[in-house]
Amino acid sequence: MALTKERKTQILEKYVAMLENARGMVVTEYRGMTVNQLAALRARLRENNASLVVTKNTLLKIALEQSGMAVPDELLNGPVAIAIAYQDLPQTVKNVLEFADDSDVFVIKGGIIGESVVDSPQLKTISELPPLETLRAEILGMMTMPMTQFLGLLDEPARGVVAVIKAGSEGLVNVLAAYSQKDAA
């Protein structure tokens, strides 16, 4: 049954809305998968604020263009489903890769991240990235480390002066204590 122009417009608007909120996506071929397998993958992705959408390729290409994303014609042929990451792209990619490893028929074609098209080995690398919160903490640590070291260097001369004065005062106290014991004896 052919889609009406109105229905195509609705689908296109849905695709554009999804892509505007996407951090990236994995393009897959789902030929030969059962409905239960697709449902299992959808449930797995939903836990990570991601979704799996079986696409109309022509409409997806138009939506990608309208969203300013890359349009890889070579990936968008045949029965295509896209796994869209709305938050944690590495975790979404990892979930899709793990699912593909367990399936004989589910094929990963590549991915789209903004204006870039990535292949399967690059997706594997992305899946190995730590969670976003961890990356933010590491970057913050790298940014604050030089300041912390610099402040430590500024404090060091003062610590040295205090150490010299403390050592001198302890020495003076020891000398006075020795004289007081000598006078008492």
N, C-alpha and C. Protein backbone atom coordinates (compact mmCIF):
# COMPACT_ATOMS: atom_id res chain seq x y z
N MET A 1 0.84 -1.18 0.00
CA MET A 1 0.00 0.00 0.00
C MET A 1 0.88 1.23 0.00
N ALA A 2 0.66 2.10 -0.94
CA ALA A 2 1.45 3.32 -1.08
C ALA A 2 1.08 4.33 0.01
N LEU A 3 2.08 5.07 0.44
CA LEU A 3 1.85 6.10 1.45
C LEU A 3 1.27 7.35 0.79
N THR A 4 0.37 7.97 1.51
CA THR A 4 -0.18 9.23 1.00
C THR A 4 0.83 10.34 1.24
N LYS A 5 0.65 11.42 0.53
CA LYS A 5 1.57 12.55 0.68
C LYS A 5 1.51 13.09 2.11
N GLU A 6 0.32 13.09 2.67
CA GLU A 6 0.15 13.57 4.04
C GLU A 6 0.91 12.67 5.02
N ARG A 7 0.83 11.37 4.85
CA ARG A 7 1.53 10.43 5.72
C ARG A 7 3.04 10.56 5.56
N LYS A 8 3.51 10.75 4.34
CA LYS A 8 4.94 10.96 4.12
C LYS A 8 5.42 12.22 4.83
N THR A 9 4.62 13.26 4.80
CA THR A 9 4.97 14.51 5.48
C THR A 9 5.07 14.28 6.99
N GLN A 10 4.14 13.51 7.54
CA GLN A 10 4.17 13.21 8.97
C GLN A 10 5.43 12.43 9.34
N ILE A 11 5.75 11.44 8.54
CA ILE A 11 6.95 10.62 8.80
C ILE A 11 8.20 11.49 8.71
N LEU A 12 8.28 12.34 7.70
CA LEU A 12 9.42 13.22 7.53
C LEU A 12 9.58 14.15 8.74
N GLU A 13 8.48 14.73 9.20
CA GLU A 13 8.53 15.61 10.37
C GLU A 13 9.00 14.84 11.61
N LYS A 14 8.54 13.59 11.74
CA LYS A 14 8.97 12.75 12.87
C LYS A 14 10.47 12.49 12.80
N TYR A 15 10.97 12.17 11.61
CA TYR A 15 12.40 11.93 11.44
C TYR A 15 13.22 13.17 11.78
N VAL A 16 12.79 14.31 11.28
CA VAL A 16 13.53 15.56 11.54
C VAL A 16 13.56 15.85 13.04
N ALA A 17 12.44 15.69 13.72
CA ALA A 17 12.40 15.93 15.17
C ALA A 17 13.35 14.98 15.90
N MET A 18 13.38 13.71 15.51
CA MET A 18 14.28 12.76 16.14
C MET A 18 15.74 13.14 15.90
N LEU A 19 16.05 13.51 14.68
CA LEU A 19 17.45 13.81 14.32
C LEU A 19 17.94 15.09 15.00
N GLU A 20 17.05 16.04 15.21
CA GLU A 20 17.47 17.28 15.87
C GLU A 20 17.89 17.04 17.32
N ASN A 21 17.34 16.00 17.94
CA ASN A 21 17.68 15.68 19.33
C ASN A 21 18.75 14.61 19.45
N ALA A 22 19.21 14.09 18.34
CA ALA A 22 20.14 12.96 18.34
C ALA A 22 21.58 13.39 18.52
N ARG A 23 22.32 12.60 19.30
CA ARG A 23 23.78 12.79 19.43
C ARG A 23 24.50 12.04 18.31
N GLY A 24 23.83 11.04 17.76
CA GLY A 24 24.38 10.25 16.69
C GLY A 24 23.51 9.03 16.48
N MET A 25 23.87 8.22 15.45
CA MET A 25 23.06 7.04 15.18
C MET A 25 23.90 5.95 14.55
N VAL A 26 23.40 4.74 14.71
CA VAL A 26 24.00 3.57 14.10
C VAL A 26 23.03 3.09 13.03
N VAL A 27 23.54 2.92 11.81
CA VAL A 27 22.73 2.45 10.70
C VAL A 27 22.90 0.95 10.59
N THR A 28 21.77 0.23 10.58
CA THR A 28 21.81 -1.23 10.58
C THR A 28 20.91 -1.79 9.48
N GLU A 29 21.16 -3.05 9.19
CA GLU A 29 20.27 -3.79 8.30
C GLU A 29 19.64 -4.90 9.13
N TYR A 30 18.31 -4.94 9.13
CA TYR A 30 17.60 -5.87 10.00
C TYR A 30 16.97 -7.04 9.24
N ARG A 31 17.33 -7.23 8.00
CA ARG A 31 16.74 -8.29 7.18
C ARG A 31 16.87 -9.64 7.88
N GLY A 32 15.73 -10.35 8.00
CA GLY A 32 15.73 -11.67 8.60
C GLY A 32 15.48 -11.70 10.09
N MET A 33 15.34 -10.53 10.72
CA MET A 33 15.10 -10.51 12.16
C MET A 33 13.61 -10.71 12.44
N THR A 34 13.34 -11.31 13.58
CA THR A 34 11.95 -11.50 14.00
C THR A 34 11.47 -10.26 14.74
N VAL A 35 10.16 -10.18 14.88
CA VAL A 35 9.58 -9.06 15.63
C VAL A 35 10.05 -9.10 17.08
N ASN A 36 10.18 -10.27 17.64
CA ASN A 36 10.64 -10.40 19.03
C ASN A 36 12.09 -9.92 19.19
N GLN A 37 12.93 -10.20 18.21
CA GLN A 37 14.32 -9.73 18.27
C GLN A 37 14.37 -8.20 18.20
N LEU A 38 13.58 -7.62 17.30
CA LEU A 38 13.53 -6.15 17.21
C LEU A 38 13.01 -5.55 18.51
N ALA A 39 12.00 -6.17 19.09
CA ALA A 39 11.45 -5.67 20.35
C ALA A 39 12.48 -5.75 21.47
N ALA A 40 13.26 -6.81 21.49
CA ALA A 40 14.30 -6.96 22.51
C ALA A 40 15.36 -5.86 22.37
N LEU A 41 15.76 -5.58 21.13
CA LEU A 41 16.75 -4.52 20.92
C LEU A 41 16.17 -3.16 21.29
N ARG A 42 14.93 -2.92 20.92
CA ARG A 42 14.28 -1.65 21.28
C ARG A 42 14.24 -1.46 22.80
N ALA A 43 13.90 -2.51 23.52
CA ALA A 43 13.84 -2.43 24.98
C ALA A 43 15.22 -2.14 25.56
N ARG A 44 16.22 -2.78 25.02
CA ARG A 44 17.61 -2.57 25.48
C ARG A 44 18.05 -1.13 25.24
N LEU A 45 17.69 -0.58 24.09
CA LEU A 45 18.07 0.79 23.77
C LEU A 45 17.27 1.80 24.60
N ARG A 46 16.01 1.51 24.84
CA ARG A 46 15.16 2.41 25.60
C ARG A 46 15.71 2.66 27.00
N GLU A 47 16.36 1.65 27.59
CA GLU A 47 16.97 1.78 28.92
C GLU A 47 18.04 2.87 28.94
N ASN A 48 18.60 3.19 27.77
CA ASN A 48 19.69 4.14 27.65
C ASN A 48 19.27 5.42 26.93
N ASN A 49 17.97 5.69 26.91
CA ASN A 49 17.41 6.85 26.22
C ASN A 49 17.83 6.87 24.75
N ALA A 50 17.60 5.76 24.10
CA ALA A 50 17.86 5.62 22.67
C ALA A 50 16.67 4.89 22.06
N SER A 51 16.61 4.89 20.74
CA SER A 51 15.49 4.20 20.09
C SER A 51 15.95 3.54 18.81
N LEU A 52 15.17 2.58 18.37
CA LEU A 52 15.42 1.90 17.11
C LEU A 52 14.23 2.18 16.21
N VAL A 53 14.51 2.71 15.01
CA VAL A 53 13.45 3.09 14.08
C VAL A 53 13.71 2.42 12.74
N VAL A 54 12.73 1.66 12.28
CA VAL A 54 12.78 1.11 10.93
C VAL A 54 12.38 2.25 10.00
N THR A 55 13.21 2.53 9.00
CA THR A 55 13.05 3.77 8.24
C THR A 55 12.54 3.55 6.82
N LYS A 56 12.02 4.64 6.30
CA LYS A 56 11.77 4.79 4.87
C LYS A 56 13.00 5.55 4.37
N ASN A 57 13.84 4.90 3.59
CA ASN A 57 15.16 5.45 3.26
C ASN A 57 15.09 6.80 2.55
N THR A 58 14.20 6.96 1.60
CA THR A 58 14.10 8.22 0.86
C THR A 58 13.74 9.36 1.81
N LEU A 59 12.79 9.12 2.70
CA LEU A 59 12.39 10.15 3.66
C LEU A 59 13.49 10.42 4.67
N LEU A 60 14.22 9.38 5.06
CA LEU A 60 15.34 9.57 5.99
C LEU A 60 16.42 10.44 5.36
N LYS A 61 16.72 10.21 4.09
CA LYS A 61 17.72 11.03 3.41
C LYS A 61 17.31 12.50 3.41
N ILE A 62 16.06 12.77 3.15
CA ILE A 62 15.56 14.16 3.15
C ILE A 62 15.67 14.73 4.56
N ALA A 63 15.30 13.95 5.57
CA ALA A 63 15.38 14.42 6.96
C ALA A 63 16.83 14.69 7.37
N LEU A 64 17.75 13.84 6.94
CA LEU A 64 19.17 14.07 7.24
C LEU A 64 19.64 15.37 6.63
N GLU A 65 19.27 15.63 5.40
CA GLU A 65 19.63 16.89 4.75
C GLU A 65 19.06 18.08 5.50
N GLN A 66 17.79 18.00 5.87
CA GLN A 66 17.15 19.11 6.58
C GLN A 66 17.76 19.34 7.96
N SER A 67 18.28 18.29 8.57
CA SER A 67 18.90 18.40 9.90
C SER A 67 20.36 18.79 9.84
N GLY A 68 20.92 18.89 8.63
CA GLY A 68 22.33 19.26 8.49
C GLY A 68 23.29 18.11 8.79
N MET A 69 22.81 16.89 8.72
CA MET A 69 23.67 15.74 8.99
C MET A 69 24.15 15.14 7.68
N ALA A 70 25.14 14.27 7.79
CA ALA A 70 25.67 13.58 6.61
C ALA A 70 24.59 12.67 6.02
N VAL A 71 24.62 12.54 4.69
CA VAL A 71 23.65 11.67 4.01
C VAL A 71 24.43 10.60 3.25
N PRO A 72 24.74 9.48 3.92
CA PRO A 72 25.52 8.41 3.28
C PRO A 72 24.61 7.49 2.45
N ASP A 73 24.53 7.77 1.16
CA ASP A 73 23.67 6.97 0.28
C ASP A 73 24.01 5.49 0.33
N GLU A 74 25.31 5.17 0.47
CA GLU A 74 25.73 3.77 0.48
C GLU A 74 25.21 3.01 1.69
N LEU A 75 24.92 3.71 2.79
CA LEU A 75 24.39 3.04 3.98
C LEU A 75 22.87 2.94 3.96
N LEU A 76 22.23 3.79 3.19
CA LEU A 76 20.78 3.89 3.24
C LEU A 76 20.12 3.20 2.06
N ASN A 77 20.39 1.92 1.93
CA ASN A 77 19.71 1.12 0.92
C ASN A 77 19.36 -0.23 1.54
N GLY A 78 18.30 -0.82 1.07
CA GLY A 78 17.82 -2.07 1.65
C GLY A 78 17.01 -1.80 2.89
N PRO A 79 16.70 -2.85 3.66
CA PRO A 79 15.93 -2.68 4.89
C PRO A 79 16.79 -2.08 5.99
N VAL A 80 16.58 -0.81 6.27
CA VAL A 80 17.42 -0.07 7.21
C VAL A 80 16.65 0.26 8.49
N ALA A 81 17.31 0.05 9.61
CA ALA A 81 16.83 0.51 10.91
C ALA A 81 17.95 1.32 11.52
N ILE A 82 17.59 2.43 12.15
CA ILE A 82 18.62 3.27 12.78
C ILE A 82 18.43 3.26 14.29
N ALA A 83 19.53 3.10 15.00
CA ALA A 83 19.53 3.21 16.45
C ALA A 83 19.98 4.62 16.77
N ILE A 84 19.09 5.41 17.34
CA ILE A 84 19.36 6.83 17.59
C ILE A 84 19.68 7.03 19.07
N ALA A 85 20.83 7.65 19.34
CA ALA A 85 21.25 7.96 20.71
C ALA A 85 20.85 9.39 21.03
N TYR A 86 20.05 9.56 22.07
CA TYR A 86 19.64 10.90 22.48
C TYR A 86 20.53 11.46 23.58
N GLN A 87 21.27 10.59 24.28
CA GLN A 87 22.16 11.07 25.34
C GLN A 87 23.54 10.45 25.23
N ASP A 88 23.67 9.20 25.62
CA ASP A 88 24.97 8.56 25.74
C ASP A 88 25.27 7.74 24.48
N LEU A 89 25.91 8.38 23.51
CA LEU A 89 26.21 7.71 22.24
C LEU A 89 27.10 6.48 22.43
N PRO A 90 28.18 6.53 23.19
CA PRO A 90 29.01 5.33 23.34
C PRO A 90 28.23 4.12 23.88
N GLN A 91 27.36 4.35 24.85
CA GLN A 91 26.59 3.23 25.41
C GLN A 91 25.60 2.69 24.39
N THR A 92 24.98 3.56 23.61
CA THR A 92 24.06 3.10 22.56
C THR A 92 24.80 2.26 21.54
N VAL A 93 25.96 2.74 21.10
CA VAL A 93 26.75 1.99 20.12
C VAL A 93 27.16 0.64 20.70
N LYS A 94 27.56 0.64 21.97
CA LYS A 94 27.95 -0.61 22.63
C LYS A 94 26.79 -1.60 22.66
N ASN A 95 25.59 -1.12 23.00
CA ASN A 95 24.42 -2.00 23.04
C ASN A 95 24.13 -2.60 21.67
N VAL A 96 24.22 -1.78 20.62
CA VAL A 96 23.95 -2.27 19.26
C VAL A 96 25.01 -3.28 18.84
N LEU A 97 26.28 -2.99 19.13
CA LEU A 97 27.35 -3.92 18.77
C LEU A 97 27.20 -5.26 19.49
N GLU A 98 26.86 -5.22 20.77
CA GLU A 98 26.67 -6.46 21.52
C GLU A 98 25.51 -7.26 20.95
N PHE A 99 24.43 -6.56 20.57
CA PHE A 99 23.29 -7.24 19.98
C PHE A 99 23.68 -7.88 18.65
N ALA A 100 24.46 -7.17 17.86
CA ALA A 100 24.90 -7.70 16.56
C ALA A 100 25.79 -8.92 16.75
N ASP A 101 26.63 -8.92 17.78
CA ASP A 101 27.49 -10.08 18.05
C ASP A 101 26.69 -11.33 18.37
N ASP A 102 25.52 -11.12 19.00
CA ASP A 102 24.68 -12.25 19.40
C ASP A 102 23.72 -12.70 18.29
N SER A 103 23.67 -11.95 17.19
CA SER A 103 22.72 -12.25 16.12
C SER A 103 23.43 -12.67 14.84
N ASP A 104 22.82 -13.57 14.12
CA ASP A 104 23.39 -14.01 12.84
C ASP A 104 22.92 -13.14 11.68
N VAL A 105 21.81 -12.43 11.86
CA VAL A 105 21.21 -11.71 10.74
C VAL A 105 21.30 -10.18 10.88
N PHE A 106 21.53 -9.68 12.06
CA PHE A 106 21.57 -8.23 12.30
C PHE A 106 22.94 -7.70 11.88
N VAL A 107 22.96 -6.74 10.95
CA VAL A 107 24.21 -6.24 10.38
C VAL A 107 24.36 -4.75 10.66
N ILE A 108 25.53 -4.37 11.11
CA ILE A 108 25.82 -2.94 11.31
C ILE A 108 26.50 -2.42 10.06
N LYS A 109 25.90 -1.39 9.47
CA LYS A 109 26.43 -0.83 8.23
C LYS A 109 27.41 0.31 8.52
N GLY A 110 27.15 1.09 9.55
CA GLY A 110 27.99 2.23 9.88
C GLY A 110 27.23 3.15 10.81
N GLY A 111 27.68 4.39 10.88
CA GLY A 111 27.03 5.36 11.75
C GLY A 111 27.11 6.76 11.20
N ILE A 112 26.31 7.63 11.79
CA ILE A 112 26.29 9.04 11.42
C ILE A 112 26.38 9.84 12.71
N ILE A 113 27.38 10.70 12.77
CA ILE A 113 27.54 11.60 13.90
C ILE A 113 27.71 13.00 13.31
N GLY A 114 26.65 13.79 13.39
CA GLY A 114 26.68 15.12 12.79
C GLY A 114 26.91 15.03 11.31
N GLU A 115 27.95 15.68 10.85
CA GLU A 115 28.27 15.69 9.42
C GLU A 115 29.26 14.59 9.05
N SER A 116 29.54 13.69 9.97
CA SER A 116 30.52 12.63 9.73
C SER A 116 29.85 11.27 9.61
N VAL A 117 30.39 10.48 8.70
CA VAL A 117 29.97 9.09 8.54
C VAL A 117 31.09 8.23 9.12
N VAL A 118 30.73 7.27 9.97
CA VAL A 118 31.73 6.41 10.59
C VAL A 118 31.47 4.97 10.19
N ASP A 119 32.54 4.19 10.11
CA ASP A 119 32.40 2.78 9.73
C ASP A 119 32.40 1.91 11.00
N SER A 120 32.29 0.62 10.81
CA SER A 120 32.17 -0.31 11.95
C SER A 120 33.37 -0.26 12.90
N PRO A 121 34.62 -0.24 12.40
CA PRO A 121 35.75 -0.15 13.34
C PRO A 121 35.72 1.15 14.18
N GLN A 122 35.30 2.25 13.56
CA GLN A 122 35.20 3.50 14.31
C GLN A 122 34.09 3.41 15.36
N LEU A 123 32.99 2.73 15.01
CA LEU A 123 31.92 2.53 15.99
C LEU A 123 32.43 1.72 17.18
N LYS A 124 33.26 0.72 16.92
CA LYS A 124 33.84 -0.09 18.01
C LYS A 124 34.66 0.80 18.94
N THR A 125 35.44 1.72 18.36
CA THR A 125 36.23 2.65 19.16
C THR A 125 35.33 3.56 20.00
N ILE A 126 34.26 4.04 19.40
CA ILE A 126 33.32 4.91 20.12
C ILE A 126 32.69 4.15 21.28
N SER A 127 32.38 2.88 21.07
CA SER A 127 31.73 2.10 22.13
C SER A 127 32.65 1.90 23.34
N GLU A 128 33.95 2.05 23.15
CA GLU A 128 34.90 1.85 24.24
C GLU A 128 35.17 3.12 25.04
N LEU A 129 34.57 4.23 24.61
CA LEU A 129 34.73 5.47 25.36
C LEU A 129 34.03 5.37 26.71
N PRO A 130 34.57 6.02 27.73
CA PRO A 130 33.90 6.00 29.04
C PRO A 130 32.61 6.83 28.97
N PRO A 131 31.74 6.70 29.96
CA PRO A 131 30.51 7.49 29.99
C PRO A 131 30.81 8.98 29.99
N LEU A 132 29.84 9.76 29.55
CA LEU A 132 30.00 11.20 29.40
C LEU A 132 30.40 11.87 30.72
N GLU A 133 29.80 11.44 31.83
CA GLU A 133 30.12 12.04 33.13
C GLU A 133 31.59 11.83 33.48
N THR A 134 32.10 10.65 33.17
CA THR A 134 33.50 10.35 33.44
C THR A 134 34.42 11.22 32.59
N LEU A 135 34.08 11.37 31.32
CA LEU A 135 34.88 12.23 30.44
C LEU A 135 34.89 13.67 30.94
N ARG A 136 33.74 14.15 31.36
CA ARG A 136 33.66 15.53 31.89
C ARG A 136 34.55 15.68 33.12
N ALA A 137 34.51 14.69 34.01
CA ALA A 137 35.33 14.75 35.23
C ALA A 137 36.81 14.74 34.88
N GLU A 138 37.20 13.91 33.91
CA GLU A 138 38.60 13.85 33.50
C GLU A 138 39.05 15.17 32.89
N ILE A 139 38.22 15.76 32.06
CA ILE A 139 38.57 17.04 31.45
C ILE A 139 38.68 18.12 32.51
N LEU A 140 37.74 18.14 33.45
CA LEU A 140 37.80 19.11 34.54
C LEU A 140 39.07 18.93 35.35
N GLY A 141 39.43 17.67 35.62
CA GLY A 141 40.67 17.40 36.35
C GLY A 141 41.89 17.88 35.60
N MET A 142 41.90 17.67 34.27
CA MET A 142 43.03 18.14 33.47
C MET A 142 43.11 19.66 33.45
N MET A 143 41.94 20.30 33.49
CA MET A 143 41.94 21.77 33.46
C MET A 143 42.39 22.36 34.80
N THR A 144 42.02 21.73 35.90
CA THR A 144 42.35 22.28 37.22
C THR A 144 43.73 21.86 37.72
N MET A 145 44.29 20.79 37.19
CA MET A 145 45.59 20.29 37.65
C MET A 145 46.69 21.34 37.53
N PRO A 146 46.86 22.04 36.40
CA PRO A 146 47.92 23.04 36.33
C PRO A 146 47.75 24.15 37.36
N MET A 147 46.50 24.57 37.61
CA MET A 147 46.27 25.62 38.61
C MET A 147 46.64 25.12 40.00
N THR A 148 46.28 23.89 40.31
CA THR A 148 46.60 23.32 41.61
C THR A 148 48.11 23.22 41.81
N GLN A 149 48.81 22.78 40.77
CA GLN A 149 50.27 22.70 40.86
C GLN A 149 50.88 24.09 40.99
N PHE A 150 50.35 25.07 40.28
CA PHE A 150 50.87 26.44 40.34
C PHE A 150 50.67 27.01 41.74
N LEU A 151 49.49 26.79 42.32
CA LEU A 151 49.24 27.29 43.68
C LEU A 151 50.16 26.59 44.67
N GLY A 152 50.43 25.34 44.45
CA GLY A 152 51.37 24.62 45.31
C GLY A 152 52.76 25.23 45.25
N LEU A 153 53.18 25.62 44.04
CA LEU A 153 54.49 26.26 43.89
C LEU A 153 54.52 27.62 44.57
N LEU A 154 53.43 28.36 44.50
CA LEU A 154 53.38 29.66 45.17
C LEU A 154 53.45 29.51 46.69
N ASP A 155 52.84 28.47 47.23
CA ASP A 155 52.84 28.23 48.67
C ASP A 155 54.17 27.68 49.16
N GLU A 156 54.95 27.07 48.29
CA GLU A 156 56.18 26.39 48.70
C GLU A 156 57.19 27.33 49.37
N PRO A 157 57.47 28.53 48.83
CA PRO A 157 58.43 29.40 49.53
C PRO A 157 57.97 29.75 50.95
N ALA A 158 56.67 29.97 51.11
CA ALA A 158 56.17 30.29 52.45
C ALA A 158 56.35 29.10 53.38
N ARG A 159 56.09 27.90 52.87
CA ARG A 159 56.29 26.69 53.68
C ARG A 159 57.77 26.56 54.07
N GLY A 160 58.66 26.91 53.16
CA GLY A 160 60.09 26.83 53.44
C GLY A 160 60.50 27.79 54.55
N VAL A 161 59.99 29.02 54.49
CA VAL A 161 60.31 30.03 55.51
C VAL A 161 59.78 29.57 56.87
N VAL A 162 58.55 29.05 56.87
CA VAL A 162 57.96 28.57 58.12
C VAL A 162 58.78 27.41 58.67
N ALA A 163 59.23 26.52 57.82
CA ALA A 163 60.03 25.38 58.27
C ALA A 163 61.34 25.85 58.88
N VAL A 164 61.99 26.85 58.26
CA VAL A 164 63.25 27.37 58.79
C VAL A 164 63.03 28.03 60.15
N ILE A 165 61.96 28.84 60.24
CA ILE A 165 61.67 29.52 61.52
C ILE A 165 61.35 28.49 62.59
N LYS A 166 60.54 27.47 62.22
CA LYS A 166 60.18 26.43 63.18
C LYS A 166 61.42 25.68 63.65
N ALA A 167 62.29 25.34 62.71
CA ALA A 167 63.52 24.62 63.08
C ALA A 167 64.39 25.49 63.98
N GLY A 168 64.49 26.77 63.63
CA GLY A 168 65.31 27.68 64.44
C GLY A 168 64.73 27.85 65.83
N SER A 169 63.39 27.98 65.91
CA SER A 169 62.78 28.16 67.23
C SER A 169 62.91 26.90 68.06
N GLU A 170 62.76 25.73 67.42
CA GLU A 170 62.94 24.48 68.17
C GLU A 170 64.38 24.36 68.66
N GLY A 171 65.32 24.80 67.84
CA GLY A 171 66.73 24.76 68.25
C GLY A 171 66.97 25.70 69.43
N LEU A 172 66.37 26.89 69.37
CA LEU A 172 66.51 27.86 70.46
C LEU A 172 65.89 27.31 71.74
N VAL A 173 64.74 26.69 71.61
CA VAL A 173 64.08 26.11 72.78
C VAL A 173 64.97 25.01 73.38
N ASN A 174 65.58 24.20 72.53
CA ASN A 174 66.45 23.13 73.02
C ASN A 174 67.67 23.72 73.75
N VAL A 175 68.25 24.80 73.20
CA VAL A 175 69.42 25.42 73.84
C VAL A 175 69.02 26.01 75.19
N LEU A 176 67.87 26.70 75.23
CA LEU A 176 67.41 27.28 76.50
C LEU A 176 67.11 26.18 77.52
N ALA A 177 66.53 25.09 77.04
CA ALA A 177 66.22 23.97 77.95
C ALA A 177 67.53 23.39 78.50
N ALA A 178 68.56 23.29 77.65
CA ALA A 178 69.83 22.74 78.09
C ALA A 178 70.47 23.66 79.13
N TYR A 179 70.42 25.01 78.91
CA TYR A 179 70.97 25.94 79.87
C TYR A 179 70.22 25.89 81.17
N SER A 180 68.90 25.75 81.08
CA SER A 180 68.11 25.72 82.33
C SER A 180 68.43 24.44 83.12
N GLN A 181 68.71 23.35 82.45
CA GLN A 181 69.06 22.11 83.15
C GLN A 181 70.47 22.23 83.73
N LYS A 182 71.37 22.97 83.02
CA LYS A 182 72.73 23.14 83.49
C LYS A 182 72.75 23.99 84.75
N ASP A 183 71.91 25.06 84.75
CA ASP A 183 71.84 25.91 85.92
C ASP A 183 71.21 25.19 87.10
N ALA A 184 70.31 24.29 86.83
CA ALA A 184 69.62 23.56 87.90
C ALA A 184 70.57 22.51 88.50
N ALA A 185 71.53 22.05 87.71
CA ALA A 185 72.43 21.02 88.20
C ALA A 185 73.53 21.56 88.99
